[in-house]
Protein backbone atom coordinates (compact mmCIF):
# COMPACT_ATOMS: atom_id res chain seq x y z
CA MET A 1 -41.34 -18.06 -33.30
CA LYS A 2 -37.96 -19.80 -33.47
CA PRO A 3 -36.02 -16.68 -34.63
CA LEU A 4 -37.25 -14.74 -31.57
CA PHE A 5 -35.96 -17.48 -29.28
CA VAL A 6 -32.49 -17.50 -30.94
CA ILE A 7 -31.95 -13.72 -30.59
CA PRO A 8 -31.89 -13.72 -26.74
CA ILE A 9 -29.40 -16.61 -26.79
CA VAL A 10 -27.10 -14.69 -29.16
CA TRP A 11 -27.30 -11.58 -26.92
CA PHE A 12 -26.53 -13.74 -23.86
CA ILE A 13 -23.42 -15.19 -25.55
CA LEU A 14 -22.24 -11.72 -26.63
CA ASP A 15 -22.81 -10.44 -23.10
CA LEU A 16 -20.69 -13.24 -21.61
CA SER A 17 -17.89 -12.62 -24.09
CA ALA A 18 -17.53 -9.05 -22.79
CA TYR A 19 -17.28 -10.23 -19.18
CA GLY A 20 -13.71 -10.00 -17.91
CA LEU A 21 -12.57 -7.59 -20.61
CA SER A 22 -9.75 -5.33 -19.43
CA VAL A 23 -8.65 -2.15 -21.15
CA GLU A 24 -5.37 -0.26 -21.37
CA ILE A 25 -5.84 3.52 -21.39
CA PRO A 26 -2.80 5.57 -22.45
CA VAL A 27 -2.25 8.76 -20.44
CA THR A 28 -0.18 11.25 -22.45
CA ARG A 29 0.78 14.92 -22.15
CA ASP A 30 -2.14 15.78 -24.40
CA ARG A 31 -4.61 13.35 -22.78
CA LEU A 32 -4.39 13.85 -19.02
CA ASP A 33 -8.16 14.17 -18.59
CA GLN A 34 -9.44 10.61 -18.96
CA GLY A 35 -13.12 11.16 -18.21
CA VAL A 36 -13.38 9.59 -14.76
CA TYR A 37 -9.88 10.68 -13.65
CA VAL A 38 -7.59 13.64 -14.22
CA PHE A 39 -3.85 13.00 -14.09
CA SER A 40 -0.97 15.38 -13.41
CA VAL A 41 2.67 14.42 -13.95
CA SER A 42 5.75 16.42 -13.01
CA THR A 43 9.42 15.52 -13.10
CA ASN A 44 12.62 16.84 -11.66
CA ALA A 45 16.19 15.93 -12.60
CA ILE A 46 18.10 14.38 -9.72
CA THR A 47 21.74 13.25 -9.48
CA GLU A 48 21.26 9.72 -10.80
CA GLY A 49 17.96 9.95 -12.66
CA VAL A 50 14.54 11.56 -12.65
CA ALA A 51 12.10 12.09 -9.76
CA PHE A 52 8.42 11.76 -10.68
CA HIS A 53 5.31 13.11 -8.97
CA VAL A 54 1.99 11.74 -10.29
CA SER A 55 -1.42 12.91 -9.06
CA ILE A 56 -4.63 11.04 -9.82
CA ALA A 57 -7.86 12.89 -9.07
CA ALA A 58 -11.34 11.38 -9.33
CA LYS A 59 -13.82 13.79 -10.91
CA LYS A 60 -16.76 12.37 -8.98
CA GLY A 61 -16.84 10.12 -5.96
CA ALA A 62 -13.90 8.31 -4.44
CA ILE A 63 -11.07 6.29 -5.93
CA ALA A 64 -11.80 2.64 -5.15
CA SER A 65 -9.67 1.48 -2.22
CA ASP A 66 -8.67 -1.70 -4.09
CA SER A 67 -7.11 0.30 -6.92
CA SER A 68 -3.32 0.16 -7.16
CA VAL A 69 -0.28 1.87 -8.64
CA GLY A 70 3.15 0.68 -9.64
CA VAL A 71 6.08 1.06 -11.98
CA CYS A 72 5.76 -1.66 -14.62
CA ILE A 73 6.96 -2.86 -17.99
CA VAL A 74 4.17 -2.84 -20.59
CA ARG A 75 4.71 -5.13 -23.59
CA HIS A 76 2.41 -5.38 -26.59
CA GLY A 77 2.03 -8.54 -28.62
CA GLY A 78 0.08 -9.45 -31.71
CA GLU A 79 -3.67 -9.10 -32.08
CA GLY A 80 -3.97 -6.37 -29.46
CA SER A 81 -2.60 -8.42 -26.58
CA ALA A 82 -0.61 -6.74 -23.82
CA GLN A 83 1.37 -7.89 -20.82
CA ILE A 84 1.91 -5.68 -17.77
CA VAL A 85 4.54 -6.89 -15.29
CA ALA A 86 6.19 -5.23 -12.31
CA ALA A 87 9.60 -3.72 -13.01
CA LYS A 88 12.45 -5.85 -11.63
CA PRO A 89 13.93 -4.97 -9.25
CA ALA A 90 10.86 -3.29 -7.84
CA ILE A 91 10.87 0.50 -7.86
CA PRO A 92 9.52 1.87 -4.57
CA VAL A 93 6.56 4.23 -4.88
CA THR A 94 5.53 6.48 -2.00
CA LEU A 95 1.75 6.77 -2.16
CA GLU A 96 -0.39 9.33 -0.35
CA THR A 97 -4.10 8.57 -0.61
CA ASN A 98 -7.36 10.19 0.33
CA ALA A 99 -10.84 9.53 -1.02
CA ARG A 100 -10.56 11.56 -4.24
CA VAL A 101 -6.85 12.19 -4.84
CA TRP A 102 -3.86 9.85 -4.88
CA LYS A 103 -0.30 11.23 -5.07
CA ALA A 104 2.64 9.04 -6.01
CA ASP A 105 6.34 9.89 -5.78
CA PHE A 106 9.19 7.77 -7.09
CA ALA A 107 12.58 8.04 -8.77
CA ILE A 108 13.89 6.25 -11.84
CA SER A 109 17.57 5.94 -12.75
CA TYR A 110 18.74 7.06 -16.17
CA GLU A 111 19.58 3.43 -16.94
CA LYS A 112 16.03 2.22 -16.09
CA LEU A 113 14.49 4.99 -18.24
CA LYS A 114 16.06 3.29 -21.26
CA LEU A 115 13.93 0.14 -20.70
CA PRO A 116 11.31 -0.28 -23.44
CA GLY A 117 7.77 -0.12 -22.08
CA LEU A 118 8.68 1.37 -18.68
CA ALA A 119 5.48 2.93 -17.33
CA PHE A 120 3.63 4.06 -14.24
CA VAL A 121 0.34 2.13 -14.12
CA PHE A 122 -2.79 3.02 -12.16
CA THR A 123 -5.11 0.00 -12.01
CA GLU A 124 -8.81 0.29 -11.29
CA LEU A 125 -10.64 -3.00 -10.79
CA ASP A 126 -14.16 -3.23 -12.17
CA HIS A 127 -17.02 -4.07 -9.80
CA LEU A 128 -20.57 -5.34 -10.18
CA SER A 129 -23.48 -5.07 -7.81
CA VAL A 130 -24.89 -8.51 -6.98
CA LYS A 131 -27.82 -8.64 -4.58
CA GLY A 132 -26.81 -5.23 -3.25
CA LYS A 133 -23.19 -6.24 -2.65
CA LYS A 134 -20.16 -4.97 -4.54
CA VAL A 135 -18.15 -7.83 -6.12
CA LEU A 136 -15.20 -7.93 -8.51
CA ALA A 137 -16.21 -8.22 -12.15
CA GLY A 138 -13.01 -9.88 -13.35
CA SER A 139 -11.89 -6.94 -15.47
CA ALA A 140 -9.82 -3.81 -14.93
CA ALA A 141 -8.82 -0.48 -16.44
CA PHE A 142 -5.06 0.07 -16.68
CA TYR A 143 -4.13 3.76 -17.01
CA VAL A 144 -0.61 3.70 -18.49
CA ILE A 145 1.83 6.63 -18.28
CA LYS A 146 4.95 5.98 -20.37
CA LEU A 147 7.63 7.51 -18.17
CA ARG A 148 10.08 8.37 -20.91
CA ASP A 149 7.43 10.57 -22.57
CA PHE A 150 7.32 12.77 -19.46
CA ALA A 151 10.99 12.64 -18.44
CA ALA A 152 12.49 14.96 -21.09
CA VAL A 153 15.29 12.45 -21.61
CA GLU A 154 18.02 12.69 -24.22
CA SER A 155 18.75 9.73 -26.52
CA ASP A 156 21.59 8.67 -24.20
CA GLY A 157 19.09 8.32 -21.34
CA ARG A 158 20.15 11.46 -19.42
CA ALA A 159 17.51 13.96 -18.30
CA ASN A 160 17.96 17.35 -19.93
CA ARG A 161 15.36 19.45 -18.06
CA PRO A 162 12.38 19.07 -15.75
CA ALA A 163 8.94 18.69 -17.29
CA THR A 164 5.45 19.31 -16.02
CA ALA A 165 2.11 18.21 -17.41
CA SER A 166 -1.21 18.88 -15.77
CA PRO A 167 -4.71 19.45 -17.13
CA GLY A 168 -4.28 23.23 -17.00
CA ARG A 169 -0.82 22.99 -18.51
CA GLN A 170 -0.53 20.29 -21.15
CA LYS A 171 3.11 20.79 -22.21
CA GLY A 172 6.43 20.88 -20.43
CA PRO A 173 8.25 24.18 -19.84
CA GLU A 174 10.48 23.57 -22.85
CA GLU A 175 7.57 23.75 -25.30
């Protein structure tokens, strides 16, 4: 009888340890379809850098209104730890939203593109249903687009040609 009583306690402890777990999901040219969302990224060379256009489309339902986007620095530490912080100075992002599709436009200077870990991050907060009400679960999914991977940038940081990546077209025009 005692072993049966211990098993539910172990499951309860394991369940609590998963609470608040956040995940970083890399979005690459070859992995634009991320199950719940489909991403599209296009770039255009401008005088002092690269202009980006990012679309995020929900496959079913609406994008949660408390989701967010931003240009960030993503740093990875030991044992799978990561730190995501806003780029300084802040890079303005123009965001057009509707229920199922968000479109973001922003420009990055050639100098900023050299920063290690520079990324566009779409953050989706996790929710639970408690007594019929939607509450924050304390975890999030961070969809990370490494900007340099989409910018077609030379080693000196200068853009060499525009690039486009969308689910129907996985590679840039140069490939």
